[in-house]
């Protein structure tokens, strides 16, 4: 029997992986690899190092399934790769392990449900945005270019000032100045 190798991931640099690290340590992981990166990324430095480190007979352990990846296809690919290499997989929160046929079945069901939930959230978000637009709400950040700022920008541009100089004077970005001046001709 091999070692239990942990993998922890937080999505942003200001998040703390302590909860995951404590759980992985309590589970008996002899080594834990930790990334501070989005799960959507397929290449994560510590994830890649963990994959290089594990050997036949080891078991990769995560606190929750979504720590390994957010995408069903990627998650299945990783688990299948581990399986080919005769490396097990365990998720502590969902009590899933791939060393048994029933564990593999539960893993696939959880991953399908997780993907389904993300799809529903995405659909609800899109429907909410469409409903807001139908009610006349305009999305996005409010413009920093007011009518008076635009007048000033036009005047400065006619006097030969660069977009950067105008942006600096108005305390806005040069690309914003260029974009708004292009709209008015």
N, C-alpha and C. Protein backbone atom coordinates (compact mmCIF):
# COMPACT_ATOMS: atom_id res chain seq x y z
N UNK A 1 0.85 -1.19 0.00
CA UNK A 1 0.00 0.00 0.00
C UNK A 1 0.88 1.24 0.00
N UNK A 2 0.50 2.22 -0.81
CA UNK A 2 1.29 3.44 -0.95
C UNK A 2 0.91 4.50 0.07
N UNK A 3 1.38 5.70 -0.22
CA UNK A 3 1.15 6.84 0.68
C UNK A 3 -0.11 7.60 0.29
N UNK A 4 -0.62 8.34 1.25
CA UNK A 4 -1.73 9.26 1.02
C UNK A 4 -1.12 10.63 0.74
N UNK A 5 -1.35 11.15 -0.47
CA UNK A 5 -0.77 12.42 -0.90
C UNK A 5 -1.90 13.44 -1.04
N UNK A 6 -1.77 14.55 -0.34
CA UNK A 6 -2.83 15.56 -0.34
C UNK A 6 -2.64 16.62 -1.39
N UNK A 7 -3.77 17.17 -1.83
CA UNK A 7 -3.75 18.32 -2.72
C UNK A 7 -4.81 19.31 -2.23
N UNK A 8 -4.37 20.55 -2.01
CA UNK A 8 -5.27 21.63 -1.57
C UNK A 8 -5.19 22.76 -2.58
N UNK A 9 -6.32 23.47 -2.72
CA UNK A 9 -6.33 24.60 -3.65
C UNK A 9 -7.30 25.65 -3.15
N UNK A 10 -6.85 26.89 -3.18
CA UNK A 10 -7.72 28.04 -2.99
C UNK A 10 -7.69 28.85 -4.27
N UNK A 11 -8.78 29.56 -4.54
CA UNK A 11 -8.92 30.24 -5.83
C UNK A 11 -8.17 31.55 -5.94
N UNK A 12 -7.96 32.24 -4.81
CA UNK A 12 -7.28 33.53 -4.87
C UNK A 12 -6.18 33.59 -3.83
N UNK A 13 -5.26 34.53 -4.03
CA UNK A 13 -4.11 34.65 -3.13
C UNK A 13 -4.51 35.05 -1.72
N UNK A 14 -5.65 35.74 -1.55
CA UNK A 14 -6.04 36.18 -0.21
C UNK A 14 -6.85 35.13 0.55
N UNK A 15 -7.16 33.99 -0.07
CA UNK A 15 -7.86 32.92 0.64
C UNK A 15 -6.85 32.07 1.41
N UNK A 16 -7.31 31.47 2.51
CA UNK A 16 -6.45 30.67 3.36
C UNK A 16 -6.79 29.19 3.23
N UNK A 17 -5.81 28.35 2.88
CA UNK A 17 -6.07 26.91 2.72
C UNK A 17 -6.01 26.12 4.04
N UNK A 18 -5.95 26.81 5.20
CA UNK A 18 -5.74 26.14 6.49
C UNK A 18 -6.77 25.04 6.76
N UNK A 19 -8.04 25.28 6.48
CA UNK A 19 -9.08 24.27 6.72
C UNK A 19 -8.77 22.99 5.94
N UNK A 20 -8.42 23.15 4.67
CA UNK A 20 -8.09 21.99 3.84
C UNK A 20 -6.84 21.29 4.35
N UNK A 21 -5.81 22.07 4.68
CA UNK A 21 -4.55 21.49 5.14
C UNK A 21 -4.73 20.71 6.44
N UNK A 22 -5.54 21.26 7.36
CA UNK A 22 -5.81 20.56 8.62
C UNK A 22 -6.52 19.24 8.37
N UNK A 23 -7.52 19.25 7.48
CA UNK A 23 -8.28 18.03 7.18
C UNK A 23 -7.40 16.99 6.50
N UNK A 24 -6.54 17.42 5.58
CA UNK A 24 -5.65 16.49 4.89
C UNK A 24 -4.63 15.90 5.84
N UNK A 25 -4.13 16.71 6.75
CA UNK A 25 -3.18 16.23 7.76
C UNK A 25 -3.85 15.21 8.68
N UNK A 26 -5.08 15.52 9.13
CA UNK A 26 -5.82 14.61 10.00
C UNK A 26 -6.13 13.29 9.30
N UNK A 27 -6.29 13.33 7.97
CA UNK A 27 -6.57 12.11 7.20
C UNK A 27 -5.33 11.23 7.05
N UNK A 28 -4.14 11.80 7.35
CA UNK A 28 -2.92 11.02 7.29
C UNK A 28 -2.06 11.25 6.06
N UNK A 29 -2.27 12.34 5.38
CA UNK A 29 -1.45 12.64 4.20
C UNK A 29 0.00 12.85 4.62
N UNK A 30 0.92 12.19 3.93
CA UNK A 30 2.34 12.31 4.26
C UNK A 30 2.97 13.53 3.59
N UNK A 31 2.33 14.01 2.52
CA UNK A 31 2.80 15.20 1.82
C UNK A 31 1.57 15.88 1.22
N UNK A 32 1.57 17.22 1.26
CA UNK A 32 0.44 17.98 0.71
C UNK A 32 0.99 19.05 -0.24
N UNK A 33 0.39 19.12 -1.41
CA UNK A 33 0.73 20.14 -2.41
C UNK A 33 -0.40 21.17 -2.40
N UNK A 34 -0.05 22.46 -2.40
CA UNK A 34 -1.06 23.51 -2.30
C UNK A 34 -0.89 24.55 -3.41
N UNK A 35 -2.00 24.80 -4.13
CA UNK A 35 -2.02 25.83 -5.17
C UNK A 35 -2.92 26.97 -4.73
N UNK A 36 -2.56 28.17 -5.20
CA UNK A 36 -3.43 29.33 -5.07
C UNK A 36 -3.72 29.77 -6.49
N UNK A 37 -4.74 29.11 -7.09
CA UNK A 37 -5.07 29.35 -8.49
C UNK A 37 -6.49 28.90 -8.76
N UNK A 38 -7.09 29.44 -9.79
CA UNK A 38 -8.43 29.05 -10.19
C UNK A 38 -8.48 27.59 -10.59
N UNK A 39 -9.57 26.92 -10.23
CA UNK A 39 -9.75 25.53 -10.62
C UNK A 39 -9.97 25.37 -12.10
N UNK A 40 -10.34 26.46 -12.77
CA UNK A 40 -10.58 26.41 -14.20
C UNK A 40 -9.28 26.23 -14.98
N UNK A 41 -8.16 26.59 -14.37
CA UNK A 41 -6.87 26.43 -15.04
C UNK A 41 -6.50 24.96 -15.09
N UNK A 42 -6.09 24.48 -16.25
CA UNK A 42 -5.69 23.08 -16.34
C UNK A 42 -4.24 22.89 -15.92
N UNK A 43 -3.45 23.94 -15.94
CA UNK A 43 -2.06 23.85 -15.50
C UNK A 43 -1.87 24.67 -14.23
N UNK A 44 -1.64 23.97 -13.13
CA UNK A 44 -1.38 24.61 -11.84
C UNK A 44 -0.07 24.03 -11.33
N UNK A 45 0.89 24.86 -10.91
CA UNK A 45 2.23 24.38 -10.57
C UNK A 45 2.27 23.25 -9.53
N UNK A 46 1.57 23.41 -8.42
CA UNK A 46 1.62 22.39 -7.38
C UNK A 46 0.81 21.15 -7.76
N UNK A 47 -0.24 21.35 -8.53
CA UNK A 47 -1.02 20.22 -9.03
C UNK A 47 -0.13 19.36 -9.93
N UNK A 48 0.59 20.04 -10.84
CA UNK A 48 1.50 19.32 -11.73
C UNK A 48 2.60 18.63 -10.95
N UNK A 49 3.12 19.28 -9.92
CA UNK A 49 4.17 18.68 -9.08
C UNK A 49 3.63 17.46 -8.35
N UNK A 50 2.38 17.54 -7.88
CA UNK A 50 1.75 16.41 -7.19
C UNK A 50 1.61 15.22 -8.14
N UNK A 51 1.18 15.50 -9.38
CA UNK A 51 1.04 14.42 -10.36
C UNK A 51 2.39 13.78 -10.66
N UNK A 52 3.45 14.58 -10.69
CA UNK A 52 4.80 14.03 -10.92
C UNK A 52 5.27 13.21 -9.71
N UNK A 53 4.82 13.59 -8.53
CA UNK A 53 5.29 12.97 -7.29
C UNK A 53 4.64 11.61 -7.00
N UNK A 54 3.34 11.48 -7.28
CA UNK A 54 2.64 10.25 -6.89
C UNK A 54 3.16 9.05 -7.66
N UNK A 55 3.15 7.93 -6.98
CA UNK A 55 3.64 6.66 -7.54
C UNK A 55 2.56 5.59 -7.44
N UNK A 56 2.72 4.55 -8.19
CA UNK A 56 1.81 3.40 -8.17
C UNK A 56 1.54 2.99 -6.72
N UNK A 57 0.26 2.85 -6.39
CA UNK A 57 -0.12 2.44 -5.05
C UNK A 57 -0.48 3.61 -4.14
N UNK A 58 -0.04 4.83 -4.49
CA UNK A 58 -0.39 6.01 -3.69
C UNK A 58 -1.87 6.35 -3.90
N UNK A 59 -2.38 7.22 -3.05
CA UNK A 59 -3.75 7.72 -3.19
C UNK A 59 -3.71 9.24 -3.06
N UNK A 60 -4.27 9.92 -4.05
CA UNK A 60 -4.38 11.38 -4.01
C UNK A 60 -5.64 11.72 -3.22
N UNK A 61 -5.47 12.61 -2.27
CA UNK A 61 -6.57 12.97 -1.37
C UNK A 61 -6.84 14.47 -1.44
N UNK A 62 -8.12 14.84 -1.58
CA UNK A 62 -8.52 16.25 -1.58
C UNK A 62 -9.59 16.45 -0.52
N UNK A 63 -9.73 17.69 -0.08
CA UNK A 63 -10.75 18.02 0.92
C UNK A 63 -12.15 17.91 0.30
N UNK A 64 -12.32 18.46 -0.91
CA UNK A 64 -13.58 18.39 -1.65
C UNK A 64 -13.28 18.22 -3.12
N UNK A 65 -14.22 17.63 -3.86
CA UNK A 65 -14.04 17.40 -5.30
C UNK A 65 -13.69 18.66 -6.06
N UNK A 66 -14.35 19.77 -5.72
CA UNK A 66 -14.13 20.99 -6.50
C UNK A 66 -12.74 21.58 -6.29
N UNK A 67 -11.98 21.08 -5.35
CA UNK A 67 -10.60 21.53 -5.16
C UNK A 67 -9.70 20.96 -6.26
N UNK A 68 -10.07 19.81 -6.81
CA UNK A 68 -9.27 19.20 -7.87
C UNK A 68 -9.54 19.88 -9.20
N UNK A 69 -10.78 20.28 -9.46
CA UNK A 69 -11.13 20.97 -10.69
C UNK A 69 -12.60 21.31 -10.72
N UNK A 70 -12.98 22.32 -11.46
CA UNK A 70 -14.38 22.75 -11.53
C UNK A 70 -15.11 22.10 -12.69
N UNK A 71 -14.38 21.57 -13.61
CA UNK A 71 -14.95 21.09 -14.85
C UNK A 71 -15.06 19.57 -14.80
N UNK A 72 -16.23 19.03 -15.10
CA UNK A 72 -16.47 17.58 -15.04
C UNK A 72 -15.50 16.83 -15.95
N UNK A 73 -15.31 17.33 -17.15
CA UNK A 73 -14.43 16.66 -18.11
C UNK A 73 -13.00 16.59 -17.58
N UNK A 74 -12.51 17.70 -17.03
CA UNK A 74 -11.15 17.74 -16.49
C UNK A 74 -11.02 16.83 -15.27
N UNK A 75 -12.00 16.86 -14.39
CA UNK A 75 -11.98 16.03 -13.19
C UNK A 75 -11.95 14.55 -13.56
N UNK A 76 -12.81 14.16 -14.49
CA UNK A 76 -12.82 12.77 -14.95
C UNK A 76 -11.49 12.39 -15.58
N UNK A 77 -10.93 13.30 -16.36
CA UNK A 77 -9.65 13.05 -17.01
C UNK A 77 -8.55 12.80 -15.97
N UNK A 78 -8.53 13.63 -14.92
CA UNK A 78 -7.51 13.48 -13.88
C UNK A 78 -7.68 12.14 -13.17
N UNK A 79 -8.92 11.82 -12.79
CA UNK A 79 -9.17 10.56 -12.07
C UNK A 79 -8.83 9.36 -12.95
N UNK A 80 -9.19 9.45 -14.24
CA UNK A 80 -8.85 8.36 -15.16
C UNK A 80 -7.34 8.22 -15.32
N UNK A 81 -6.62 9.34 -15.38
CA UNK A 81 -5.16 9.31 -15.47
C UNK A 81 -4.57 8.65 -14.23
N UNK A 82 -5.08 9.03 -13.06
CA UNK A 82 -4.61 8.40 -11.82
C UNK A 82 -4.88 6.90 -11.83
N UNK A 83 -6.06 6.53 -12.28
CA UNK A 83 -6.44 5.12 -12.35
C UNK A 83 -5.49 4.33 -13.26
N UNK A 84 -5.17 4.90 -14.43
CA UNK A 84 -4.23 4.25 -15.36
C UNK A 84 -2.86 4.04 -14.72
N UNK A 85 -2.49 4.99 -13.87
CA UNK A 85 -1.19 4.91 -13.20
C UNK A 85 -1.26 4.09 -11.91
N UNK A 86 -2.45 3.50 -11.66
CA UNK A 86 -2.70 2.70 -10.46
C UNK A 86 -2.53 3.52 -9.19
N UNK A 87 -3.03 4.78 -9.27
CA UNK A 87 -3.05 5.69 -8.13
C UNK A 87 -4.51 5.91 -7.77
N UNK A 88 -4.82 5.76 -6.49
CA UNK A 88 -6.20 5.93 -6.04
C UNK A 88 -6.55 7.40 -5.88
N UNK A 89 -7.83 7.64 -5.61
CA UNK A 89 -8.32 9.00 -5.39
C UNK A 89 -9.31 8.98 -4.25
N UNK A 90 -9.24 10.00 -3.38
CA UNK A 90 -10.15 10.11 -2.25
C UNK A 90 -10.54 11.56 -2.04
N UNK A 91 -11.83 11.78 -1.79
CA UNK A 91 -12.34 13.10 -1.42
C UNK A 91 -12.93 13.00 -0.02
N UNK A 92 -12.41 13.78 0.89
CA UNK A 92 -12.81 13.67 2.30
C UNK A 92 -14.24 14.12 2.57
N UNK A 93 -14.62 15.27 2.05
CA UNK A 93 -15.95 15.83 2.35
C UNK A 93 -17.06 14.95 1.80
N UNK A 94 -16.90 14.46 0.58
CA UNK A 94 -17.93 13.63 -0.04
C UNK A 94 -17.79 12.15 0.31
N UNK A 95 -16.75 11.80 1.08
CA UNK A 95 -16.49 10.40 1.45
C UNK A 95 -16.44 9.50 0.21
N UNK A 96 -15.65 9.93 -0.75
CA UNK A 96 -15.51 9.19 -2.01
C UNK A 96 -14.10 8.64 -2.10
N UNK A 97 -13.99 7.39 -2.54
CA UNK A 97 -12.69 6.81 -2.82
C UNK A 97 -12.85 5.93 -4.05
N UNK A 98 -11.81 5.87 -4.87
CA UNK A 98 -11.92 5.12 -6.12
C UNK A 98 -11.31 3.73 -6.05
N UNK A 99 -10.99 3.28 -4.85
CA UNK A 99 -10.40 1.95 -4.74
C UNK A 99 -11.45 0.85 -4.86
N UNK A 100 -12.73 1.20 -4.87
CA UNK A 100 -13.79 0.19 -5.01
C UNK A 100 -14.74 0.61 -6.14
N UNK A 101 -15.44 -0.38 -6.73
CA UNK A 101 -16.41 -0.04 -7.79
C UNK A 101 -17.51 0.90 -7.28
N UNK A 102 -17.98 0.70 -6.07
CA UNK A 102 -19.04 1.57 -5.55
C UNK A 102 -18.51 3.00 -5.34
N UNK A 103 -17.25 3.13 -4.94
CA UNK A 103 -16.64 4.44 -4.78
C UNK A 103 -16.54 5.17 -6.11
N UNK A 104 -16.20 4.43 -7.16
CA UNK A 104 -16.12 5.02 -8.49
C UNK A 104 -17.50 5.49 -8.96
N UNK A 105 -18.53 4.68 -8.69
CA UNK A 105 -19.89 5.05 -9.07
C UNK A 105 -20.32 6.34 -8.36
N UNK A 106 -20.08 6.40 -7.06
CA UNK A 106 -20.45 7.59 -6.29
C UNK A 106 -19.71 8.81 -6.81
N UNK A 107 -18.44 8.67 -7.14
CA UNK A 107 -17.65 9.77 -7.70
C UNK A 107 -18.31 10.31 -8.96
N UNK A 108 -18.67 9.43 -9.87
CA UNK A 108 -19.27 9.86 -11.14
C UNK A 108 -20.62 10.53 -10.90
N UNK A 109 -21.41 10.03 -9.97
CA UNK A 109 -22.70 10.65 -9.67
C UNK A 109 -22.49 12.04 -9.10
N UNK A 110 -21.56 12.19 -8.14
CA UNK A 110 -21.29 13.50 -7.55
C UNK A 110 -20.81 14.49 -8.60
N UNK A 111 -19.93 14.04 -9.48
CA UNK A 111 -19.40 14.93 -10.50
C UNK A 111 -20.50 15.37 -11.46
N UNK A 112 -21.40 14.46 -11.82
CA UNK A 112 -22.51 14.83 -12.71
C UNK A 112 -23.43 15.82 -12.03
N UNK A 113 -23.73 15.61 -10.76
CA UNK A 113 -24.59 16.53 -10.02
C UNK A 113 -23.94 17.90 -9.89
N UNK A 114 -22.64 17.92 -9.66
CA UNK A 114 -21.91 19.17 -9.53
C UNK A 114 -21.95 19.95 -10.85
N UNK A 115 -21.72 19.26 -11.95
CA UNK A 115 -21.77 19.90 -13.27
C UNK A 115 -23.18 20.42 -13.55
N UNK A 116 -24.19 19.63 -13.19
CA UNK A 116 -25.58 20.03 -13.38
C UNK A 116 -25.88 21.30 -12.58
N UNK A 117 -25.40 21.37 -11.34
CA UNK A 117 -25.62 22.55 -10.51
C UNK A 117 -24.97 23.78 -11.13
N UNK A 118 -23.74 23.65 -11.62
CA UNK A 118 -23.06 24.79 -12.25
C UNK A 118 -23.81 25.26 -13.49
N UNK A 119 -24.36 24.32 -14.27
CA UNK A 119 -25.12 24.66 -15.46
C UNK A 119 -26.39 25.42 -15.08
N UNK A 120 -27.08 24.96 -14.04
CA UNK A 120 -28.29 25.64 -13.59
C UNK A 120 -27.98 27.06 -13.11
N UNK A 121 -26.91 27.21 -12.37
CA UNK A 121 -26.51 28.54 -11.89
C UNK A 121 -26.23 29.46 -13.06
N UNK A 122 -25.52 28.95 -14.05
CA UNK A 122 -25.20 29.73 -15.24
C UNK A 122 -26.47 30.14 -15.99
N UNK A 123 -27.40 29.20 -16.14
CA UNK A 123 -28.66 29.50 -16.84
C UNK A 123 -29.47 30.54 -16.07
N UNK A 124 -29.53 30.41 -14.74
CA UNK A 124 -30.28 31.39 -13.94
C UNK A 124 -29.64 32.77 -14.03
N UNK A 125 -28.33 32.82 -14.06
CA UNK A 125 -27.63 34.10 -14.18
C UNK A 125 -27.95 34.75 -15.51
N UNK A 126 -27.87 33.97 -16.59
CA UNK A 126 -28.19 34.51 -17.92
C UNK A 126 -29.64 34.99 -17.99
N UNK A 127 -30.56 34.20 -17.42
CA UNK A 127 -31.98 34.59 -17.44
C UNK A 127 -32.19 35.88 -16.65
N UNK A 128 -31.52 36.01 -15.52
CA UNK A 128 -31.62 37.23 -14.71
C UNK A 128 -31.10 38.44 -15.45
N UNK A 129 -29.98 38.29 -16.14
CA UNK A 129 -29.41 39.40 -16.92
C UNK A 129 -30.33 39.80 -18.06
N UNK A 130 -30.90 38.80 -18.75
CA UNK A 130 -31.82 39.08 -19.85
C UNK A 130 -33.07 39.80 -19.33
N UNK A 131 -33.58 39.37 -18.18
CA UNK A 131 -34.76 40.02 -17.59
C UNK A 131 -34.45 41.47 -17.22
N UNK A 132 -33.26 41.71 -16.69
CA UNK A 132 -32.87 43.08 -16.33
C UNK A 132 -32.77 43.96 -17.56
N UNK A 133 -32.21 43.43 -18.64
CA UNK A 133 -32.10 44.19 -19.89
C UNK A 133 -33.50 44.49 -20.43
N UNK A 134 -34.41 43.50 -20.34
CA UNK A 134 -35.78 43.70 -20.82
C UNK A 134 -36.49 44.79 -20.02
N UNK A 135 -36.12 44.96 -18.75
CA UNK A 135 -36.70 46.00 -17.91
C UNK A 135 -36.00 47.34 -18.11
N UNK A 136 -35.00 47.37 -19.01
CA UNK A 136 -34.33 48.62 -19.32
C UNK A 136 -33.05 48.86 -18.54
N UNK A 137 -32.63 47.90 -17.75
CA UNK A 137 -31.40 48.07 -16.98
C UNK A 137 -30.20 47.84 -17.89
N UNK A 138 -29.26 48.73 -17.82
CA UNK A 138 -28.05 48.60 -18.61
C UNK A 138 -26.96 48.03 -17.70
N UNK A 139 -26.33 46.96 -18.12
CA UNK A 139 -25.30 46.31 -17.30
C UNK A 139 -23.95 46.95 -17.48
N UNK A 140 -23.01 46.47 -16.72
CA UNK A 140 -21.64 46.95 -16.82
C UNK A 140 -21.35 48.08 -15.87
N UNK A 141 -20.10 48.49 -15.88
CA UNK A 141 -19.69 49.58 -15.01
C UNK A 141 -20.21 50.91 -15.53
N UNK A 142 -20.52 51.84 -14.63
CA UNK A 142 -20.94 53.16 -15.09
C UNK A 142 -19.76 53.86 -15.78
N UNK A 143 -20.08 54.65 -16.77
CA UNK A 143 -19.03 55.35 -17.51
C UNK A 143 -18.40 56.45 -16.65
N UNK A 144 -17.13 56.64 -16.84
CA UNK A 144 -16.42 57.71 -16.13
C UNK A 144 -16.40 58.98 -16.98
N UNK A 145 -16.84 58.86 -18.22
CA UNK A 145 -16.82 59.98 -19.14
C UNK A 145 -18.19 60.67 -19.12
N UNK A 146 -18.28 61.76 -18.41
CA UNK A 146 -19.52 62.53 -18.36
C UNK A 146 -19.59 63.42 -19.60
N UNK A 147 -20.75 64.04 -19.77
CA UNK A 147 -20.93 64.94 -20.92
C UNK A 147 -19.93 66.10 -20.87
N UNK A 148 -19.72 66.66 -19.66
CA UNK A 148 -18.77 67.78 -19.56
C UNK A 148 -17.34 67.31 -19.79
N UNK A 149 -17.01 66.09 -19.33
CA UNK A 149 -15.67 65.54 -19.57
C UNK A 149 -15.44 65.33 -21.06
N UNK A 150 -16.49 64.87 -21.74
CA UNK A 150 -16.38 64.65 -23.18
C UNK A 150 -16.15 65.97 -23.92
N UNK A 151 -16.85 67.02 -23.49
CA UNK A 151 -16.65 68.34 -24.11
C UNK A 151 -15.21 68.81 -23.93
N UNK A 152 -14.69 68.64 -22.71
CA UNK A 152 -13.31 69.03 -22.41
C UNK A 152 -12.34 68.21 -23.25
N UNK A 153 -12.60 66.89 -23.35
CA UNK A 153 -11.72 66.00 -24.12
C UNK A 153 -11.70 66.43 -25.59
N UNK A 154 -12.86 66.76 -26.14
CA UNK A 154 -12.93 67.20 -27.55
C UNK A 154 -12.13 68.48 -27.75
N UNK A 155 -12.28 69.40 -26.81
CA UNK A 155 -11.57 70.68 -26.91
C UNK A 155 -10.04 70.44 -26.83
N UNK A 156 -9.62 69.60 -25.88
CA UNK A 156 -8.19 69.33 -25.72
C UNK A 156 -7.62 68.60 -26.94
N UNK A 157 -8.41 67.69 -27.50
CA UNK A 157 -7.95 66.94 -28.67
C UNK A 157 -7.77 67.88 -29.86
N UNK A 158 -8.70 68.82 -30.03
CA UNK A 158 -8.61 69.79 -31.14
C UNK A 158 -7.41 70.70 -30.97
N UNK A 159 -6.99 70.91 -29.70
CA UNK A 159 -5.82 71.76 -29.46
C UNK A 159 -4.51 70.98 -29.59
N UNK A 160 -4.61 69.67 -29.98
CA UNK A 160 -3.40 68.89 -30.25
C UNK A 160 -2.92 68.01 -29.12
N UNK A 161 -3.66 67.92 -28.06
CA UNK A 161 -3.24 67.07 -26.93
C UNK A 161 -3.42 65.59 -27.29
N UNK A 162 -2.53 64.75 -26.74
CA UNK A 162 -2.61 63.31 -26.97
C UNK A 162 -3.69 62.71 -26.07
N UNK A 163 -4.10 61.49 -26.41
CA UNK A 163 -5.10 60.79 -25.59
C UNK A 163 -4.57 60.62 -24.16
N UNK A 164 -3.29 60.33 -24.04
CA UNK A 164 -2.68 60.16 -22.72
C UNK A 164 -2.73 61.45 -21.91
N UNK A 165 -2.41 62.57 -22.56
CA UNK A 165 -2.45 63.86 -21.87
C UNK A 165 -3.87 64.22 -21.44
N UNK A 166 -4.82 63.95 -22.32
CA UNK A 166 -6.23 64.23 -22.00
C UNK A 166 -6.68 63.35 -20.83
N UNK A 167 -6.35 62.06 -20.92
CA UNK A 167 -6.71 61.13 -19.85
C UNK A 167 -6.12 61.54 -18.52
N UNK A 168 -4.88 61.98 -18.54
CA UNK A 168 -4.21 62.42 -17.33
C UNK A 168 -4.91 63.65 -16.74
N UNK A 169 -5.29 64.58 -17.60
CA UNK A 169 -5.97 65.80 -17.15
C UNK A 169 -7.35 65.49 -16.56
N UNK A 170 -8.04 64.49 -17.14
CA UNK A 170 -9.39 64.14 -16.68
C UNK A 170 -9.38 63.03 -15.63
N UNK A 171 -8.18 62.50 -15.35
CA UNK A 171 -8.00 61.40 -14.40
C UNK A 171 -8.77 60.14 -14.83
N UNK A 172 -8.66 59.83 -16.14
CA UNK A 172 -9.23 58.61 -16.70
C UNK A 172 -8.21 58.03 -17.68
N UNK A 173 -8.43 56.81 -18.10
CA UNK A 173 -7.49 56.15 -19.00
C UNK A 173 -7.51 56.71 -20.41
N UNK A 174 -6.36 56.66 -21.05
CA UNK A 174 -6.24 57.14 -22.42
C UNK A 174 -7.14 56.34 -23.36
N UNK A 175 -7.27 55.04 -23.14
CA UNK A 175 -8.13 54.22 -24.00
C UNK A 175 -9.60 54.61 -23.86
N UNK A 176 -10.00 55.03 -22.66
CA UNK A 176 -11.38 55.50 -22.45
C UNK A 176 -11.61 56.78 -23.23
N UNK A 177 -10.64 57.69 -23.18
CA UNK A 177 -10.73 58.94 -23.93
C UNK A 177 -10.86 58.62 -25.43
N UNK A 178 -9.97 57.76 -25.94
CA UNK A 178 -9.95 57.40 -27.36
C UNK A 178 -11.30 56.79 -27.76
N UNK A 179 -11.82 55.88 -26.96
CA UNK A 179 -13.07 55.20 -27.25
C UNK A 179 -14.24 56.18 -27.33
N UNK A 180 -14.35 57.09 -26.38
CA UNK A 180 -15.47 58.04 -26.36
C UNK A 180 -15.35 59.10 -27.46
N UNK A 181 -14.14 59.54 -27.74
CA UNK A 181 -13.96 60.51 -28.82
C UNK A 181 -14.27 59.87 -30.18
N UNK A 182 -13.96 58.59 -30.33
CA UNK A 182 -14.25 57.90 -31.59
C UNK A 182 -15.76 57.79 -31.81
N UNK A 183 -16.52 57.65 -30.74
CA UNK A 183 -17.98 57.54 -30.86
C UNK A 183 -18.63 58.83 -31.34
N UNK A 184 -18.05 59.95 -30.94
CA UNK A 184 -18.65 61.23 -31.33
C UNK A 184 -18.07 61.77 -32.64
N UNK A 185 -17.03 61.13 -33.11
CA UNK A 185 -16.46 61.50 -34.40
C UNK A 185 -15.46 62.52 -34.27
